[in-house]
Amino acid sequence: MEVLPLVALVAGSAAVAGVARRTPVPAPLLLVAAGLLAGYLPGVPSYALDPHIVLPLLLPPLLHTAAVDSSYLDLRANIRPIAMLSVGYVLFATLAVGYAAYLLVPGLPLPVALVLGAVVAPPDAVAATAIARKLGLPNRITTILQGESLVNDATAITAYKVALAAAIGVSAGWADGIVEFLLASVGGIGVGLLLMVPIHHLRKRLKEPLLQNTLSLLIPFVAYAAAERVHASGVLAVVVVALYLGHRNWQVDFATRLQEEAVWRMVAFVLESVVFALIGLQLPVVLEGLAEYDAGSVAWYAVLVFLAVVASRFLWVFPATFVPRWISERIRTREPDTDWKAPVVVGWAGMRGVVSLAIAFSVPADVPNRNLILFLTFTTVIGTLVVQGLTLPPLIRVLRLPPKNLQAETLAEAQAQSEASRAADERLSELLESPENQLPPPLADRLRTVLERRRNAVWERLGEVNPVTGESADEIYRRLAREMIESEREVFVSLRDRRRIDDEMLRGLLRRLDLEEAAAYREET
């Protein structure tokens, strides 16, 4: 791809995503719609997806950001439902959707239909995370959806390889498929386990934040490439390494964490925006190969396959939720009780995305009905994103799922901060008793004041609010602190403009204020 179209794609995607933040419409939906429209504007080049770019270059960083932000402990606590969806459901959907397509689409061979089933089987990691984050779903549902989306691509890619081998005449029976799946899974996890400790050790030893962030950007690509090199699952390798690093991120120095968070937020924003825009931009490419088919017939096939995809998820989710609970007392004891509402949300939250399209574009040209597979994959992705993405928020409102208990979360945070502050206060007293740590009383008092401020900040959020602004005492404090810092910043700039200080000194002074502002103000996301 030439430079100018690439720059236009990134800039346009970022602009649409920025607009979406000011609307109630989730960004993925607006980006897909913009891509659909842009695909037919004069002068817009073709943006055909290249699976050799999407899978090794876009998928690893997207999986990495999702896994690092996930909770290893929460994922481990919900491993059974996550495994039932990420492995069991994907295999079930491959067979169910594939067989349904074989029955509904005249002339579609069963192996080719199973290829289609594997392609559309995995819900998208980016879509699930973006929608769940926007809607503020209960923690357990969000964890299950995120966990499913982290692993299901590996299952789908393996199922696709087995189905494709059958479609092109290469022997691939059930035994071969099971062996390939186990080798890919065990190999991917093994590669991740081998890499995660050395990479984390290197992260702790590097003290230069710029080098640290360079390493951070390389990690998902290294893990993916290493696993694929030995014919294992690159997806699982990336997820294993990212979960480990995220769980132990506290062991890296603060400067690295601050820079790393900013860098990865930017990377995730750009890549997510580009990915959803690319989905919409595929329409002209997909339609080019449908000249041999009747328009009315393929539209009807698209509706039927979409319905089969949606139905298959509900056919799996409800039994997978309740049957194990009926059978096993251990599961009933270990897992929280649930009603029919949570499975409805999980069943309806199965949006497909760019991975399905990338796999579809990788289908060899000599596979029968390849163009039809591309079209049905595209319509399924668009259908799930638009239909389910638009109706999921009102569905959640109608079901009246219990929202996050913000009061309880704030109370738990306040108690944790209180315990930590008590330990810090005891440590400070021990240190000040040593002659080598003697400080003038004002500086020692300043340390205790900062500690007290941190201890009280969370409790103040539970207190009364200002009747005029509706702010808590903590929010007023942070706002006033920012106003004071902004006044200082203006003075420093004015002194630079009057040549009383130079730019190098200005940068040092502004950085000090930036760090103070970061300490005084925590952005609510």
Protein backbone atom coordinates (compact mmCIF):
# COMPACT_ATOMS: atom_id res chain seq x y z
CA MET A 1 0.00 0.00 0.00
CA GLU A 2 1.27 3.48 -0.85
CA VAL A 3 2.01 5.95 1.90
CA LEU A 4 -0.72 8.49 1.16
CA PRO A 5 -3.66 6.00 1.23
CA LEU A 6 -2.27 4.53 4.45
CA VAL A 7 -2.00 7.96 6.08
CA ALA A 8 -5.51 8.80 4.89
CA LEU A 9 -6.84 5.55 6.37
CA VAL A 10 -5.26 6.16 9.77
CA ALA A 11 -6.22 9.85 9.89
CA GLY A 12 -9.79 9.25 8.72
CA SER A 13 -10.30 6.34 11.13
CA ALA A 14 -8.97 8.35 14.07
CA ALA A 15 -11.22 11.30 13.17
CA VAL A 16 -14.34 9.12 13.02
CA ALA A 17 -13.40 7.41 16.29
CA GLY A 18 -12.94 10.82 17.89
CA VAL A 19 -16.40 11.89 16.73
CA ALA A 20 -17.86 8.62 18.07
CA ARG A 21 -16.64 9.51 21.57
CA ARG A 22 -19.04 12.45 21.54
CA THR A 23 -22.03 10.34 20.50
CA PRO A 24 -23.92 7.49 22.18
CA VAL A 25 -23.07 5.21 19.23
CA PRO A 26 -20.19 2.78 19.95
CA ALA A 27 -17.11 3.66 17.92
CA PRO A 28 -16.93 0.28 16.10
CA LEU A 29 -20.36 0.80 14.56
CA LEU A 30 -19.66 4.35 13.40
CA LEU A 31 -16.31 3.30 11.93
CA VAL A 32 -17.88 0.40 10.02
CA ALA A 33 -20.59 2.69 8.67
CA ALA A 34 -18.00 5.27 7.63
CA GLY A 35 -15.99 2.56 5.89
CA LEU A 36 -19.05 1.34 4.00
CA LEU A 37 -19.74 4.87 2.74
CA ALA A 38 -16.11 5.72 1.99
CA GLY A 39 -15.66 2.59 -0.10
CA TYR A 40 -17.79 4.12 -2.87
CA LEU A 41 -16.51 7.69 -2.74
CA PRO A 42 -14.63 8.84 -5.85
CA GLY A 43 -10.88 8.61 -5.48
CA VAL A 44 -10.88 6.21 -2.52
CA PRO A 45 -8.39 3.41 -3.29
CA SER A 46 -9.00 -0.27 -2.74
CA TYR A 47 -8.19 -1.44 0.78
CA ALA A 48 -8.38 -5.19 0.27
CA LEU A 49 -7.43 -7.04 3.44
CA ASP A 50 -4.20 -8.98 3.19
CA PRO A 51 -4.22 -11.87 5.72
CA HIS A 52 -0.41 -11.83 5.69
CA ILE A 53 -0.62 -8.33 7.18
CA VAL A 54 -3.71 -8.52 9.39
CA LEU A 55 -2.92 -11.75 11.24
CA PRO A 56 0.81 -11.22 12.05
CA LEU A 57 0.86 -7.41 12.25
CA LEU A 58 -2.53 -6.24 13.54
CA LEU A 59 -3.77 -9.17 15.61
CA PRO A 60 -0.79 -9.52 18.04
CA PRO A 61 -0.81 -5.92 19.38
CA LEU A 62 -4.61 -5.93 19.68
CA LEU A 63 -4.54 -9.20 21.62
CA HIS A 64 -1.65 -7.91 23.73
CA THR A 65 -3.48 -4.76 24.83
CA ALA A 66 -6.65 -6.72 25.62
CA ALA A 67 -4.75 -9.36 27.62
CA VAL A 68 -2.57 -6.91 29.56
CA ASP A 69 -5.68 -5.01 30.63
CA SER A 70 -7.43 -8.23 31.67
CA SER A 71 -7.31 -9.64 35.18
CA TYR A 72 -5.44 -12.94 35.37
CA LEU A 73 -7.13 -13.74 38.67
CA ASP A 74 -10.62 -13.02 37.30
CA LEU A 75 -9.91 -15.05 34.17
CA ARG A 76 -8.67 -17.96 36.28
CA ALA A 77 -11.77 -17.76 38.48
CA ASN A 78 -13.97 -18.00 35.36
CA ILE A 79 -11.87 -20.51 33.43
CA ARG A 80 -14.72 -23.00 32.95
CA PRO A 81 -17.22 -20.68 31.20
CA ILE A 82 -14.37 -19.08 29.22
CA ALA A 83 -13.16 -22.48 28.00
CA MET A 84 -16.71 -23.53 27.17
CA LEU A 85 -17.03 -20.47 24.90
CA SER A 86 -13.52 -20.08 23.50
CA VAL A 87 -13.06 -23.76 22.64
CA GLY A 88 -16.40 -25.55 22.91
CA TYR A 89 -18.55 -22.89 21.29
CA VAL A 90 -16.13 -22.20 18.43
CA LEU A 91 -16.00 -25.90 17.51
CA PHE A 92 -19.78 -26.21 17.88
CA ALA A 93 -20.36 -23.11 15.73
CA THR A 94 -17.98 -24.43 13.08
CA LEU A 95 -20.03 -27.61 12.77
CA ALA A 96 -23.48 -26.08 13.31
CA VAL A 97 -23.09 -23.07 10.99
CA GLY A 98 -21.18 -25.14 8.45
CA TYR A 99 -23.82 -27.84 8.29
CA ALA A 100 -26.61 -25.25 8.19
CA ALA A 101 -24.88 -23.51 5.25
CA TYR A 102 -24.48 -26.89 3.53
CA LEU A 103 -28.24 -27.49 3.81
CA LEU A 104 -29.33 -23.93 2.97
CA VAL A 105 -26.99 -22.99 0.11
CA PRO A 106 -27.49 -25.17 -2.97
CA GLY A 107 -24.31 -26.59 -4.45
CA LEU A 108 -22.08 -25.74 -1.49
CA PRO A 109 -19.90 -28.78 -0.66
CA LEU A 110 -19.86 -29.82 2.99
CA PRO A 111 -16.05 -29.32 3.48
CA VAL A 112 -16.35 -25.80 2.01
CA ALA A 113 -19.35 -25.12 4.23
CA LEU A 114 -17.26 -26.16 7.24
CA VAL A 115 -14.57 -23.71 6.12
CA LEU A 116 -17.22 -20.99 6.23
CA GLY A 117 -18.33 -22.21 9.66
CA ALA A 118 -14.80 -21.98 11.04
CA VAL A 119 -14.29 -18.53 9.52
CA VAL A 120 -17.37 -16.98 11.16
CA ALA A 121 -17.13 -18.95 14.43
CA PRO A 122 -14.99 -16.66 16.63
CA PRO A 123 -16.43 -13.47 18.16
CA ASP A 124 -14.01 -10.58 17.81
CA ALA A 125 -11.64 -9.57 20.61
CA VAL A 126 -11.71 -5.87 19.72
CA ALA A 127 -15.48 -5.69 19.30
CA ALA A 128 -16.18 -7.53 22.55
CA THR A 129 -13.81 -5.36 24.56
CA ALA A 130 -14.99 -2.10 22.98
CA ILE A 131 -18.70 -2.84 23.43
CA ALA A 132 -18.30 -4.18 26.98
CA ARG A 133 -16.24 -1.14 27.98
CA LYS A 134 -18.82 1.24 26.49
CA LEU A 135 -21.80 -0.44 28.16
CA GLY A 136 -20.33 -0.97 31.62
CA LEU A 137 -21.45 -4.60 31.85
CA PRO A 138 -21.22 -6.45 35.18
CA ASN A 139 -17.67 -7.53 35.93
CA ARG A 140 -18.21 -11.28 35.53
CA ILE A 141 -19.90 -10.96 32.12
CA THR A 142 -17.16 -8.61 30.91
CA THR A 143 -14.46 -11.02 32.13
CA ILE A 144 -16.09 -13.98 30.37
CA LEU A 145 -16.48 -12.09 27.08
CA GLN A 146 -12.90 -10.79 27.21
CA GLY A 147 -11.51 -14.20 28.12
CA GLU A 148 -13.43 -15.85 25.31
CA SER A 149 -12.23 -13.35 22.74
CA LEU A 150 -8.59 -13.76 23.79
CA VAL A 151 -8.47 -17.50 23.09
CA ASN A 152 -11.14 -18.26 20.50
CA ASP A 153 -9.10 -17.05 17.51
CA ALA A 154 -6.61 -19.86 18.12
CA THR A 155 -9.42 -22.44 18.11
CA ALA A 156 -11.00 -20.97 14.97
CA ILE A 157 -7.74 -20.77 13.02
CA THR A 158 -6.96 -24.40 13.81
CA ALA A 159 -10.49 -25.51 12.88
CA TYR A 160 -10.17 -23.52 9.65
CA LYS A 161 -6.92 -25.26 8.72
CA VAL A 162 -8.49 -28.68 9.26
CA ALA A 163 -11.63 -27.81 7.27
CA LEU A 164 -9.55 -26.24 4.49
CA ALA A 165 -7.40 -29.38 4.21
CA ALA A 166 -10.58 -31.39 3.67
CA ALA A 167 -11.94 -28.85 1.16
CA ILE A 168 -8.84 -28.97 -1.06
CA GLY A 169 -8.59 -32.74 -0.94
CA VAL A 170 -5.80 -33.15 1.60
CA SER A 171 -6.51 -35.94 4.08
CA ALA A 172 -7.63 -34.42 7.38
CA GLY A 173 -9.82 -36.68 9.44
CA TRP A 174 -11.12 -36.13 12.95
CA ALA A 175 -8.01 -37.70 14.47
CA ASP A 176 -5.72 -35.43 12.42
CA GLY A 177 -7.78 -32.41 13.39
CA ILE A 178 -7.65 -33.24 17.10
CA VAL A 179 -3.91 -33.82 16.96
CA GLU A 180 -3.32 -30.54 15.12
CA PHE A 181 -5.50 -28.65 17.59
CA LEU A 182 -3.65 -30.11 20.58
CA LEU A 183 -0.24 -29.44 19.06
CA ALA A 184 -1.15 -25.84 18.21
CA SER A 185 -2.67 -25.20 21.64
CA VAL A 186 0.00 -26.88 23.74
CA GLY A 187 2.74 -25.44 21.56
CA GLY A 188 1.36 -21.89 21.76
CA ILE A 189 0.99 -22.06 25.53
CA GLY A 190 4.44 -23.61 25.81
CA VAL A 191 6.08 -20.88 23.77
CA GLY A 192 4.33 -18.26 25.91
CA LEU A 193 5.51 -19.94 29.11
CA LEU A 194 9.08 -20.08 27.81
CA LEU A 195 9.14 -16.42 26.81
CA MET A 196 7.23 -14.74 29.62
CA VAL A 197 9.82 -15.02 32.43
CA PRO A 198 12.88 -13.92 30.39
CA ILE A 199 10.94 -11.03 28.86
CA HIS A 200 9.73 -9.88 32.27
CA HIS A 201 13.26 -10.22 33.66
CA LEU A 202 14.56 -8.03 30.85
CA ARG A 203 11.80 -5.47 31.44
CA LYS A 204 12.80 -5.17 35.09
CA ARG A 205 16.49 -4.79 34.25
CA LEU A 206 16.04 -2.08 31.63
CA LYS A 207 16.00 1.28 33.42
CA GLU A 208 15.66 3.53 30.38
CA PRO A 209 11.93 4.09 29.68
CA LEU A 210 12.50 4.59 25.94
CA LEU A 211 14.21 1.20 25.64
CA GLN A 212 11.53 -0.31 27.84
CA ASN A 213 8.75 0.94 25.60
CA THR A 214 10.57 -0.21 22.48
CA LEU A 215 10.74 -3.68 24.00
CA SER A 216 7.08 -3.45 24.99
CA LEU A 217 6.04 -2.74 21.40
CA LEU A 218 8.10 -5.70 20.13
CA ILE A 219 6.84 -8.27 22.66
CA PRO A 220 3.56 -9.32 20.95
CA PHE A 221 5.25 -9.68 17.56
CA VAL A 222 8.11 -11.71 19.01
CA ALA A 223 5.73 -14.05 20.84
CA TYR A 224 3.49 -14.49 17.80
CA ALA A 225 6.37 -15.06 15.37
CA ALA A 226 8.16 -17.49 17.70
CA ALA A 227 5.06 -19.65 18.09
CA GLU A 228 4.17 -19.60 14.41
CA ARG A 229 7.75 -20.52 13.59
CA VAL A 230 7.26 -23.89 15.30
CA HIS A 231 3.71 -24.27 13.88
CA ALA A 232 2.10 -23.48 17.23
CA SER A 233 -0.63 -20.97 18.03
CA GLY A 234 0.78 -17.45 17.94
CA VAL A 235 -2.47 -16.19 19.45
CA LEU A 236 -2.08 -18.27 22.61
CA ALA A 237 1.61 -17.35 22.92
CA VAL A 238 0.77 -13.63 22.81
CA VAL A 239 -2.04 -14.03 25.36
CA VAL A 240 0.05 -16.07 27.82
CA VAL A 241 2.94 -13.59 27.74
CA ALA A 242 0.64 -10.56 28.01
CA LEU A 243 -1.32 -11.99 30.94
CA TYR A 244 1.89 -12.69 32.83
CA LEU A 245 3.34 -9.24 32.15
CA GLY A 246 0.10 -7.53 33.08
CA HIS A 247 -0.15 -9.49 36.33
CA ARG A 248 3.41 -8.47 37.29
CA ASN A 249 3.42 -4.98 35.84
CA TRP A 250 3.83 -3.52 39.33
CA GLN A 251 7.42 -4.79 39.39
CA VAL A 252 8.44 -2.38 36.61
CA ASP A 253 9.49 1.14 37.57
CA PHE A 254 6.88 3.90 37.58
CA ALA A 255 8.35 5.94 34.69
CA THR A 256 8.10 2.96 32.39
CA ARG A 257 4.51 2.24 33.47
CA LEU A 258 3.45 5.83 32.82
CA GLN A 259 5.01 5.94 29.37
CA GLU A 260 3.93 2.41 28.49
CA GLU A 261 0.32 3.10 29.34
CA ALA A 262 0.27 6.22 27.16
CA VAL A 263 2.00 4.46 24.27
CA TRP A 264 -0.29 1.42 24.27
CA ARG A 265 -3.43 3.51 24.63
CA MET A 266 -2.42 5.37 21.49
CA VAL A 267 -1.54 2.15 19.64
CA ALA A 268 -4.81 0.48 20.64
CA PHE A 269 -6.84 3.54 19.65
CA VAL A 270 -5.24 3.73 16.19
CA LEU A 271 -5.37 0.00 15.48
CA GLU A 272 -8.94 -0.46 16.70
CA SER A 273 -10.07 2.50 14.61
CA VAL A 274 -8.28 1.24 11.50
CA VAL A 275 -9.55 -2.32 11.94
CA PHE A 276 -13.22 -1.37 12.04
CA ALA A 277 -12.85 1.11 9.18
CA LEU A 278 -11.19 -1.63 7.12
CA ILE A 279 -14.18 -3.90 7.70
CA GLY A 280 -16.50 -1.40 6.04
CA LEU A 281 -14.04 -0.71 3.24
CA GLN A 282 -14.11 -4.36 2.14
CA LEU A 283 -17.57 -4.10 0.54
CA PRO A 284 -16.39 -3.14 -2.99
CA VAL A 285 -13.70 -5.84 -2.88
CA VAL A 286 -16.18 -8.50 -1.76
CA LEU A 287 -18.83 -7.58 -4.33
CA GLU A 288 -16.36 -7.79 -7.23
CA GLY A 289 -16.38 -11.58 -7.15
CA LEU A 290 -20.15 -12.11 -7.03
CA ALA A 291 -20.96 -11.58 -10.71
CA GLU A 292 -21.66 -15.29 -11.20
CA TYR A 293 -24.34 -15.35 -8.46
CA ASP A 294 -27.91 -14.09 -8.46
CA ALA A 295 -28.18 -11.00 -6.24
CA GLY A 296 -31.45 -12.06 -4.64
CA SER A 297 -30.18 -15.53 -3.86
CA VAL A 298 -26.91 -14.43 -2.23
CA ALA A 299 -28.78 -11.84 -0.16
CA TRP A 300 -31.07 -14.61 1.09
CA TYR A 301 -28.09 -16.85 1.84
CA ALA A 302 -26.52 -14.00 3.83
CA VAL A 303 -29.65 -13.64 5.98
CA LEU A 304 -29.82 -17.39 6.61
CA VAL A 305 -26.13 -17.67 7.57
CA PHE A 306 -26.43 -14.66 9.88
CA LEU A 307 -29.43 -16.25 11.60
CA ALA A 308 -27.56 -19.56 11.88
CA VAL A 309 -24.62 -17.78 13.54
CA VAL A 310 -26.87 -16.03 16.05
CA ALA A 311 -28.95 -19.15 16.76
CA SER A 312 -25.91 -21.38 17.22
CA ARG A 313 -24.57 -19.13 19.96
CA PHE A 314 -27.79 -19.31 21.97
CA LEU A 315 -28.03 -23.06 21.37
CA TRP A 316 -24.61 -23.39 22.99
CA VAL A 317 -24.65 -20.68 25.67
CA PHE A 318 -27.77 -21.74 27.58
CA PRO A 319 -26.90 -25.44 27.96
CA ALA A 320 -23.26 -24.56 28.67
CA THR A 321 -24.41 -22.22 31.44
CA PHE A 322 -26.96 -24.37 33.22
CA VAL A 323 -26.26 -28.06 32.46
CA PRO A 324 -22.87 -28.16 34.26
CA ARG A 325 -24.48 -26.46 37.25
CA TRP A 326 -27.23 -29.07 37.35
CA ILE A 327 -24.73 -31.92 37.11
CA SER A 328 -21.93 -30.75 39.41
CA GLU A 329 -22.36 -29.59 42.97
CA ARG A 330 -18.75 -28.40 42.91
CA ILE A 331 -19.55 -25.95 40.11
CA ARG A 332 -22.61 -24.70 42.00
CA THR A 333 -20.41 -24.10 45.03
CA ARG A 334 -17.48 -22.45 43.26
CA GLU A 335 -19.36 -20.21 40.83
CA PRO A 336 -21.91 -17.50 41.69
CA ASP A 337 -25.53 -18.27 40.98
CA THR A 338 -26.98 -16.88 37.77
CA ASP A 339 -30.34 -16.47 36.08
CA TRP A 340 -31.41 -16.41 32.44
CA LYS A 341 -30.44 -12.75 31.91
CA ALA A 342 -26.65 -13.20 31.84
CA PRO A 343 -26.74 -15.96 29.16
CA VAL A 344 -29.01 -13.75 27.04
CA VAL A 345 -26.44 -10.94 27.13
CA VAL A 346 -23.51 -13.30 26.48
CA GLY A 347 -25.44 -14.93 23.64
CA TRP A 348 -26.30 -11.62 22.02
CA ALA A 349 -22.78 -10.19 22.46
CA GLY A 350 -21.18 -12.40 19.82
CA MET A 351 -20.04 -9.72 17.37
CA ARG A 352 -17.66 -10.88 14.64
CA GLY A 353 -14.79 -8.79 13.33
CA VAL A 354 -11.66 -8.40 11.29
CA VAL A 355 -10.14 -11.79 12.17
CA SER A 356 -13.02 -13.57 10.43
CA LEU A 357 -12.52 -11.41 7.35
CA ALA A 358 -8.77 -11.93 7.35
CA ILE A 359 -9.20 -15.70 7.53
CA ALA A 360 -11.79 -15.56 4.73
CA PHE A 361 -9.38 -13.62 2.49
CA SER A 362 -6.74 -16.29 3.11
CA VAL A 363 -8.94 -18.99 1.52
CA PRO A 364 -7.05 -20.13 -1.61
CA ALA A 365 -8.45 -19.05 -4.97
CA ASP A 366 -8.96 -22.65 -6.13
CA VAL A 367 -11.38 -23.50 -3.29
CA PRO A 368 -14.92 -23.84 -4.70
CA ASN A 369 -17.29 -20.96 -3.89
CA ARG A 370 -14.47 -18.81 -2.43
CA ASN A 371 -16.17 -15.56 -3.46
CA LEU A 372 -19.40 -16.67 -1.82
CA ILE A 373 -17.50 -17.48 1.40
CA LEU A 374 -16.02 -13.97 1.33
CA PHE A 375 -19.42 -12.37 0.84
CA LEU A 376 -21.17 -14.42 3.54
CA THR A 377 -18.35 -13.72 5.98
CA PHE A 378 -18.58 -9.99 5.25
CA THR A 379 -22.37 -9.87 5.69
CA THR A 380 -22.13 -11.89 8.90
CA VAL A 381 -19.51 -9.53 10.34
CA ILE A 382 -21.51 -6.45 9.35
CA GLY A 383 -24.76 -8.02 10.54
CA THR A 384 -23.47 -8.91 13.98
CA LEU A 385 -21.75 -5.56 14.47
CA VAL A 386 -24.75 -3.50 13.37
CA VAL A 387 -27.71 -5.58 14.53
CA GLN A 388 -26.27 -6.89 17.78
CA GLY A 389 -24.07 -3.87 18.46
CA LEU A 390 -26.98 -1.42 18.13
CA THR A 391 -29.49 -3.52 20.07
CA LEU A 392 -27.21 -4.68 22.90
CA PRO A 393 -27.44 -1.42 24.92
CA PRO A 394 -31.28 -1.31 24.91
CA LEU A 395 -31.35 -5.05 25.64
CA ILE A 396 -29.22 -4.51 28.74
CA ARG A 397 -31.48 -1.66 29.84
CA VAL A 398 -34.59 -3.81 29.36
CA LEU A 399 -33.08 -6.73 31.27
CA ARG A 400 -32.03 -4.38 34.10
CA LEU A 401 -28.83 -6.16 34.84
CA PRO A 402 -27.34 -5.16 38.19
CA PRO A 403 -24.87 -2.32 37.54
CA LYS A 404 -21.45 -2.14 39.07
CA ASN A 405 -21.67 -1.37 42.78
CA LEU A 406 -19.59 1.81 42.69
CA GLN A 407 -20.17 2.47 46.39
CA ALA A 408 -18.79 -0.95 47.34
CA GLU A 409 -15.85 -0.57 44.94
CA THR A 410 -14.99 2.84 46.37
CA LEU A 411 -15.25 1.48 49.92
CA ALA A 412 -12.92 -1.42 49.06
CA GLU A 413 -10.48 1.02 47.46
CA ALA A 414 -10.59 3.27 50.53
CA GLN A 415 -9.92 0.36 52.87
CA ALA A 416 -7.01 -0.83 50.72
CA GLN A 417 -5.54 2.67 50.62
CA SER A 418 -5.93 2.98 54.39
CA GLU A 419 -4.00 -0.24 55.01
CA ALA A 420 -1.27 0.76 52.56
CA SER A 421 -0.97 4.24 54.07
CA ARG A 422 -0.67 2.76 57.56
CA ALA A 423 2.19 0.55 56.39
CA ALA A 424 3.86 3.53 54.67
CA ASP A 425 3.51 5.64 57.83
CA GLU A 426 5.15 2.94 59.94
CA ARG A 427 7.96 2.61 57.41
CA LEU A 428 8.52 6.38 57.37
CA SER A 429 8.79 6.43 61.17
CA GLU A 430 11.38 3.64 61.04
CA LEU A 431 13.40 5.46 58.40
CA LEU A 432 13.37 8.81 60.21
CA GLU A 433 14.80 7.20 63.34
CA SER A 434 18.04 6.50 61.49
CA PRO A 435 20.66 9.30 61.56
CA GLU A 436 21.29 8.92 57.84
CA ASN A 437 17.65 9.80 57.10
CA GLN A 438 17.30 12.89 59.26
CA LEU A 439 15.16 15.59 57.66
CA PRO A 440 14.20 19.08 58.76
CA PRO A 441 10.76 18.93 60.45
CA PRO A 442 8.98 20.80 57.60
CA LEU A 443 10.12 18.21 55.05
CA ALA A 444 9.21 15.28 57.30
CA ASP A 445 5.80 16.87 57.86
CA ARG A 446 5.42 17.29 54.12
CA LEU A 447 5.92 13.55 53.60
CA ARG A 448 3.27 12.82 56.22
CA THR A 449 0.91 15.40 54.67
CA VAL A 450 1.19 13.78 51.24
CA LEU A 451 0.52 10.39 52.81
CA GLU A 452 -2.48 11.71 54.72
CA ARG A 453 -3.82 13.31 51.56
CA ARG A 454 -3.61 10.00 49.73
CA ARG A 455 -5.34 8.21 52.60
CA ASN A 456 -8.22 10.67 52.78
CA ALA A 457 -8.77 11.15 49.04
CA VAL A 458 -10.77 7.95 48.52
CA TRP A 459 -12.82 8.33 51.70
CA GLU A 460 -13.77 11.83 50.58
CA ARG A 461 -15.41 10.39 47.49
CA LEU A 462 -17.85 8.62 49.82
CA GLY A 463 -18.72 11.83 51.62
CA GLU A 464 -21.13 14.66 50.88
CA VAL A 465 -20.95 16.55 47.59
CA ASN A 466 -20.84 20.27 46.99
CA PRO A 467 -24.46 21.46 46.61
CA VAL A 468 -23.47 23.92 43.87
CA THR A 469 -21.20 21.79 41.63
CA GLY A 470 -22.10 18.26 42.71
CA GLU A 471 -18.40 17.52 43.28
CA SER A 472 -16.92 15.61 46.18
CA ALA A 473 -14.23 17.22 48.32
CA ASP A 474 -11.63 15.11 46.52
CA GLU A 475 -12.83 16.31 43.11
CA ILE A 476 -12.76 19.94 44.23
CA TYR A 477 -9.23 19.45 45.57
CA ARG A 478 -8.00 18.01 42.28
CA ARG A 479 -9.68 20.77 40.27
CA LEU A 480 -8.16 23.53 42.41
CA ALA A 481 -4.75 21.86 42.27
CA ARG A 482 -4.92 21.84 38.48
CA GLU A 483 -5.93 25.51 38.41
CA MET A 484 -2.94 26.42 40.58
CA ILE A 485 -0.58 24.38 38.42
CA GLU A 486 -1.97 25.98 35.27
CA SER A 487 -1.24 29.43 36.74
CA GLU A 488 2.36 28.40 37.38
CA ARG A 489 2.62 26.99 33.87
CA GLU A 490 1.48 30.30 32.34
CA VAL A 491 4.08 32.21 34.35
CA PHE A 492 6.88 29.89 33.21
CA VAL A 493 5.88 30.31 29.57
CA SER A 494 5.70 34.06 30.00
CA LEU A 495 9.20 34.11 31.49
CA ARG A 496 10.48 32.07 28.53
CA ASP A 497 8.83 34.45 26.05
CA ARG A 498 10.52 37.39 27.80
CA ARG A 499 13.88 35.54 27.57
CA ARG A 500 14.31 35.36 31.33
CA ILE A 501 14.62 31.58 31.09
CA ASP A 502 15.52 29.43 28.07
CA ASP A 503 13.56 26.58 26.50
CA GLU A 504 15.61 23.86 28.14
CA MET A 505 14.84 25.25 31.57
CA LEU A 506 11.19 25.67 30.60
CA ARG A 507 10.93 22.01 29.61
CA GLY A 508 12.37 20.93 32.97
CA LEU A 509 9.98 23.15 34.91
CA LEU A 510 6.96 22.04 32.88
CA ARG A 511 7.84 18.37 33.34
CA ARG A 512 7.94 18.89 37.09
CA LEU A 513 4.49 20.49 36.95
CA ASP A 514 3.21 17.69 34.71
CA LEU A 515 4.26 15.09 37.27
CA GLU A 516 2.62 17.06 40.07
CA GLU A 517 -0.55 17.38 38.02
CA ALA A 518 -0.53 13.66 37.31
CA ALA A 519 -0.24 13.02 41.05
CA ALA A 520 -3.00 15.49 41.91
CA TYR A 521 -5.44 14.49 39.23
CA ARG A 522 -6.45 10.98 38.29
CA GLU A 523 -8.33 10.84 35.01
CA GLU A 524 -11.60 8.96 35.24
CA THR A 525 -11.85 6.50 32.31
